[in-house]
């Protein structure tokens, strides 16, 4: 990937359990362990429980793939903190549009989606275990 002038923001978290490098990490400092979970960003290095771990939260990051990935894929975590293509973002065939007169122009708010898409692939991976560059979302 050619270098662009993209700002990268990092923060330091206290590791909750062992955290591997180049993996997704939760806001609690634990490496992601649930597919599609909400994460803070990608780790720069490994850390032991209670240690400090640098986390990239904005910009581009290098993260390990958990499956085959194509450039431009929307990404979420797998159960090991690796990135995999998001699976259920589309609208199912035969879905029906729903509107509400009860909202009366108000903005309705809801909870988090079941899959937290946190990055887009800037590089592809032919299989799991490859480190690829991603653009983190916020």
C-alpha atoms as a PDB file:
ATOM      1  CA  UNK A   1       0.000   0.000   0.000  1.00  0.00           C
ATOM      2  CA  UNK A   2       1.410   3.402  -0.852  1.00  0.00           C
ATOM      3  CA  UNK A   3       1.887   5.732   2.073  1.00  0.00           C
ATOM      4  CA  UNK A   4      -0.644   8.536   2.431  1.00  0.00           C
ATOM      5  CA  UNK A   5      -0.804  11.326   4.984  1.00  0.00           C
ATOM      6  CA  UNK A   6      -3.251   9.616   7.330  1.00  0.00           C
ATOM      7  CA  UNK A   7      -3.151  10.516  11.003  1.00  0.00           C
ATOM      8  CA  UNK A   8      -2.893   7.635  13.427  1.00  0.00           C
ATOM      9  CA  UNK A   9      -4.151   8.001  16.991  1.00  0.00           C
ATOM     10  CA  UNK A  10      -3.084   5.646  19.732  1.00  0.00           C
ATOM     11  CA  UNK A  11      -3.979   5.181  23.350  1.00  0.00           C
ATOM     12  CA  UNK A  12      -2.525   3.032  26.079  1.00  0.00           C
ATOM     13  CA  UNK A  13      -4.671   0.451  27.847  1.00  0.00           C
ATOM     14  CA  UNK A  14      -3.900  -1.880  30.737  1.00  0.00           C
ATOM     15  CA  UNK A  15      -4.014  -5.434  29.409  1.00  0.00           C
ATOM     16  CA  UNK A  16      -6.677  -7.658  30.912  1.00  0.00           C
ATOM     17  CA  UNK A  17      -5.185 -11.090  30.325  1.00  0.00           C
ATOM     18  CA  UNK A  18      -2.562 -11.841  27.716  1.00  0.00           C
ATOM     19  CA  UNK A  19      -2.938  -9.726  24.569  1.00  0.00           C
ATOM     20  CA  UNK A  20      -1.255 -10.665  21.279  1.00  0.00           C
ATOM     21  CA  UNK A  21       0.202  -8.134  18.866  1.00  0.00           C
ATOM     22  CA  UNK A  22      -1.776  -7.043  15.809  1.00  0.00           C
ATOM     23  CA  UNK A  23      -5.126  -8.147  17.230  1.00  0.00           C
ATOM     24  CA  UNK A  24      -8.391  -6.371  18.033  1.00  0.00           C
ATOM     25  CA  UNK A  25      -8.750  -5.271  21.649  1.00  0.00           C
ATOM     26  CA  UNK A  26     -11.828  -4.316  23.644  1.00  0.00           C
ATOM     27  CA  UNK A  27     -12.305  -1.157  25.669  1.00  0.00           C
ATOM     28  CA  UNK A  28     -11.673  -3.293  28.785  1.00  0.00           C
ATOM     29  CA  UNK A  29      -8.081  -4.054  27.688  1.00  0.00           C
ATOM     30  CA  UNK A  30      -8.857  -7.682  26.812  1.00  0.00           C
ATOM     31  CA  UNK A  31      -8.142  -9.192  23.418  1.00  0.00           C
ATOM     32  CA  UNK A  32     -11.378  -9.675  21.480  1.00  0.00           C
ATOM     33  CA  UNK A  33     -12.890 -13.111  22.150  1.00  0.00           C
ATOM     34  CA  UNK A  34     -16.332 -12.902  20.518  1.00  0.00           C
ATOM     35  CA  UNK A  35     -17.037 -12.718  16.811  1.00  0.00           C
ATOM     36  CA  UNK A  36     -18.253  -9.240  15.896  1.00  0.00           C
ATOM     37  CA  UNK A  37     -17.693  -7.706  19.328  1.00  0.00           C
ATOM     38  CA  UNK A  38     -17.223  -3.958  19.782  1.00  0.00           C
ATOM     39  CA  UNK A  39     -13.524  -3.050  19.989  1.00  0.00           C
ATOM     40  CA  UNK A  40     -11.363  -0.018  20.708  1.00  0.00           C
ATOM     41  CA  UNK A  41      -8.812  -0.708  17.968  1.00  0.00           C
ATOM     42  CA  UNK A  42      -5.769  -2.804  17.074  1.00  0.00           C
ATOM     43  CA  UNK A  43      -2.790  -3.603  19.282  1.00  0.00           C
ATOM     44  CA  UNK A  44       0.728  -2.608  18.284  1.00  0.00           C
ATOM     45  CA  UNK A  45       2.473  -5.185  20.462  1.00  0.00           C
ATOM     46  CA  UNK A  46       1.774  -8.028  22.866  1.00  0.00           C
ATOM     47  CA  UNK A  47       1.264  -7.509  26.584  1.00  0.00           C
ATOM     48  CA  UNK A  48       0.887  -9.689  29.652  1.00  0.00           C
ATOM     49  CA  UNK A  49      -1.944  -9.273  32.145  1.00  0.00           C
ATOM     50  CA  UNK A  50      -1.617  -5.894  33.884  1.00  0.00           C
ATOM     51  CA  UNK A  51       0.934  -4.589  31.394  1.00  0.00           C
ATOM     52  CA  UNK A  52       0.556  -1.563  29.148  1.00  0.00           C
ATOM     53  CA  UNK A  53      -0.520  -2.098  25.557  1.00  0.00           C
ATOM     54  CA  UNK A  54      -0.528   0.526  22.797  1.00  0.00           C
ATOM     55  CA  UNK A  55      -3.721   0.519  20.733  1.00  0.00           C
ATOM     56  CA  UNK A  56      -4.301   2.228  17.386  1.00  0.00           C
ATOM     57  CA  UNK A  57      -7.811   3.699  17.484  1.00  0.00           C
ATOM     58  CA  UNK A  58      -7.909   5.888  14.336  1.00  0.00           C
ATOM     59  CA  UNK A  59      -6.111   5.773  10.993  1.00  0.00           C
ATOM     60  CA  UNK A  60      -4.447   2.679   9.589  1.00  0.00           C
ATOM     61  CA  UNK A  61      -3.224  -0.385  11.451  1.00  0.00           C
ATOM     62  CA  UNK A  62      -1.650  -3.740  10.721  1.00  0.00           C
ATOM     63  CA  UNK A  63      -3.804  -6.587  12.016  1.00  0.00           C
ATOM     64  CA  UNK A  64      -3.859 -10.359  11.582  1.00  0.00           C
ATOM     65  CA  UNK A  65      -6.452 -11.941   9.313  1.00  0.00           C
ATOM     66  CA  UNK A  66      -8.679 -14.779  10.495  1.00  0.00           C
ATOM     67  CA  UNK A  67      -9.917 -15.717   7.003  1.00  0.00           C
ATOM     68  CA  UNK A  68      -9.548 -14.881   3.337  1.00  0.00           C
ATOM     69  CA  UNK A  69     -10.104 -11.124   2.861  1.00  0.00           C
ATOM     70  CA  UNK A  70     -10.507  -8.994  -0.260  1.00  0.00           C
ATOM     71  CA  UNK A  71      -9.414  -5.364  -0.574  1.00  0.00           C
ATOM     72  CA  UNK A  72     -12.348  -3.163   0.457  1.00  0.00           C
ATOM     73  CA  UNK A  73     -14.054  -5.769   2.661  1.00  0.00           C
ATOM     74  CA  UNK A  74     -15.817  -4.428   5.758  1.00  0.00           C
ATOM     75  CA  UNK A  75     -14.180  -6.135   8.729  1.00  0.00           C
ATOM     76  CA  UNK A  76     -15.133  -7.345  12.197  1.00  0.00           C
ATOM     77  CA  UNK A  77     -13.359  -9.538  14.745  1.00  0.00           C
ATOM     78  CA  UNK A  78     -13.315 -13.296  15.036  1.00  0.00           C
ATOM     79  CA  UNK A  79     -13.137 -15.117  18.386  1.00  0.00           C
ATOM     80  CA  UNK A  80      -9.334 -14.667  18.490  1.00  0.00           C
ATOM     81  CA  UNK A  81      -9.186 -10.917  17.846  1.00  0.00           C
ATOM     82  CA  UNK A  82      -8.274 -11.334  14.174  1.00  0.00           C
ATOM     83  CA  UNK A  83     -10.171  -9.611  11.346  1.00  0.00           C
ATOM     84  CA  UNK A  84     -12.704 -11.392   9.171  1.00  0.00           C
ATOM     85  CA  UNK A  85     -15.198 -10.107   6.595  1.00  0.00           C
ATOM     86  CA  UNK A  86     -18.462  -8.875   8.118  1.00  0.00           C
ATOM     87  CA  UNK A  87     -21.246 -11.329   7.367  1.00  0.00           C
ATOM     88  CA  UNK A  88     -24.707  -9.865   7.992  1.00  0.00           C
ATOM     89  CA  UNK A  89     -24.605  -6.231   6.978  1.00  0.00           C
ATOM     90  CA  UNK A  90     -26.875  -6.626   3.962  1.00  0.00           C
ATOM     91  CA  UNK A  91     -30.652  -6.606   3.911  1.00  0.00           C
ATOM     92  CA  UNK A  92     -32.077 -10.070   3.452  1.00  0.00           C
ATOM     93  CA  UNK A  93     -33.867 -10.935   0.246  1.00  0.00           C
ATOM     94  CA  UNK A  94     -37.590 -10.358   0.666  1.00  0.00           C
ATOM     95  CA  UNK A  95     -37.138  -7.887   3.527  1.00  0.00           C
ATOM     96  CA  UNK A  96     -39.922  -5.350   3.989  1.00  0.00           C
ATOM     97  CA  UNK A  97     -39.318  -1.639   4.547  1.00  0.00           C
ATOM     98  CA  UNK A  98     -40.765  -0.449   7.857  1.00  0.00           C
ATOM     99  CA  UNK A  99     -41.797   3.080   8.767  1.00  0.00           C
ATOM    100  CA  UNK A 100     -43.350   4.517  11.875  1.00  0.00           C
ATOM    101  CA  UNK A 101     -45.846   7.297  12.286  1.00  0.00           C
ATOM    102  CA  UNK A 102     -45.180   7.159  16.032  1.00  0.00           C
ATOM    103  CA  UNK A 103     -41.709   8.671  15.569  1.00  0.00           C
ATOM    104  CA  UNK A 104     -43.306  11.835  14.132  1.00  0.00           C
ATOM    105  CA  UNK A 105     -39.978  13.151  12.846  1.00  0.00           C
ATOM    106  CA  UNK A 106     -38.024  12.328  16.010  1.00  0.00           C
ATOM    107  CA  UNK A 107     -34.661  10.631  15.773  1.00  0.00           C
ATOM    108  CA  UNK A 108     -34.908   7.092  17.048  1.00  0.00           C
ATOM    109  CA  UNK A 109     -31.901   5.561  18.755  1.00  0.00           C
ATOM    110  CA  UNK A 110     -31.088   1.947  19.355  1.00  0.00           C
ATOM    111  CA  UNK A 111     -28.400  -0.358  20.638  1.00  0.00           C
ATOM    112  CA  UNK A 112     -25.280  -1.606  18.919  1.00  0.00           C
ATOM    113  CA  UNK A 113     -25.566  -3.811  15.877  1.00  0.00           C
ATOM    114  CA  UNK A 114     -24.873  -7.521  16.463  1.00  0.00           C
ATOM    115  CA  UNK A 115     -21.679  -7.208  14.421  1.00  0.00           C
ATOM    116  CA  UNK A 116     -19.411  -4.251  15.088  1.00  0.00           C
ATOM    117  CA  UNK A 117     -17.672  -3.370  11.820  1.00  0.00           C
ATOM    118  CA  UNK A 118     -14.546  -1.491  12.839  1.00  0.00           C
ATOM    119  CA  UNK A 119     -12.281  -1.474   9.770  1.00  0.00           C
ATOM    120  CA  UNK A 120     -11.996  -1.761   5.998  1.00  0.00           C
ATOM    121  CA  UNK A 121      -9.329  -3.860   4.265  1.00  0.00           C
ATOM    122  CA  UNK A 122      -6.632  -1.886   2.454  1.00  0.00           C
ATOM    123  CA  UNK A 123      -4.856  -5.150   1.606  1.00  0.00           C
ATOM    124  CA  UNK A 124      -6.162  -8.620   0.903  1.00  0.00           C
ATOM    125  CA  UNK A 125      -5.266 -11.910   2.567  1.00  0.00           C
ATOM    126  CA  UNK A 126      -5.397 -15.295   0.849  1.00  0.00           C
ATOM    127  CA  UNK A 127      -5.942 -17.065   4.179  1.00  0.00           C
ATOM    128  CA  UNK A 128      -5.917 -16.732   7.954  1.00  0.00           C
ATOM    129  CA  UNK A 129      -2.704 -15.731   9.714  1.00  0.00           C
ATOM    130  CA  UNK A 130      -1.650 -12.972   7.309  1.00  0.00           C
ATOM    131  CA  UNK A 131      -0.968  -9.439   8.542  1.00  0.00           C
ATOM    132  CA  UNK A 132      -2.791  -6.818   6.487  1.00  0.00           C
ATOM    133  CA  UNK A 133      -3.221  -3.066   6.570  1.00  0.00           C
ATOM    134  CA  UNK A 134      -6.702  -1.828   7.484  1.00  0.00           C
ATOM    135  CA  UNK A 135      -8.383   1.558   7.755  1.00  0.00           C
ATOM    136  CA  UNK A 136     -10.041   1.849  11.158  1.00  0.00           C
ATOM    137  CA  UNK A 137     -13.542   3.349  11.366  1.00  0.00           C
ATOM    138  CA  UNK A 138     -14.949   5.718  13.976  1.00  0.00           C
END
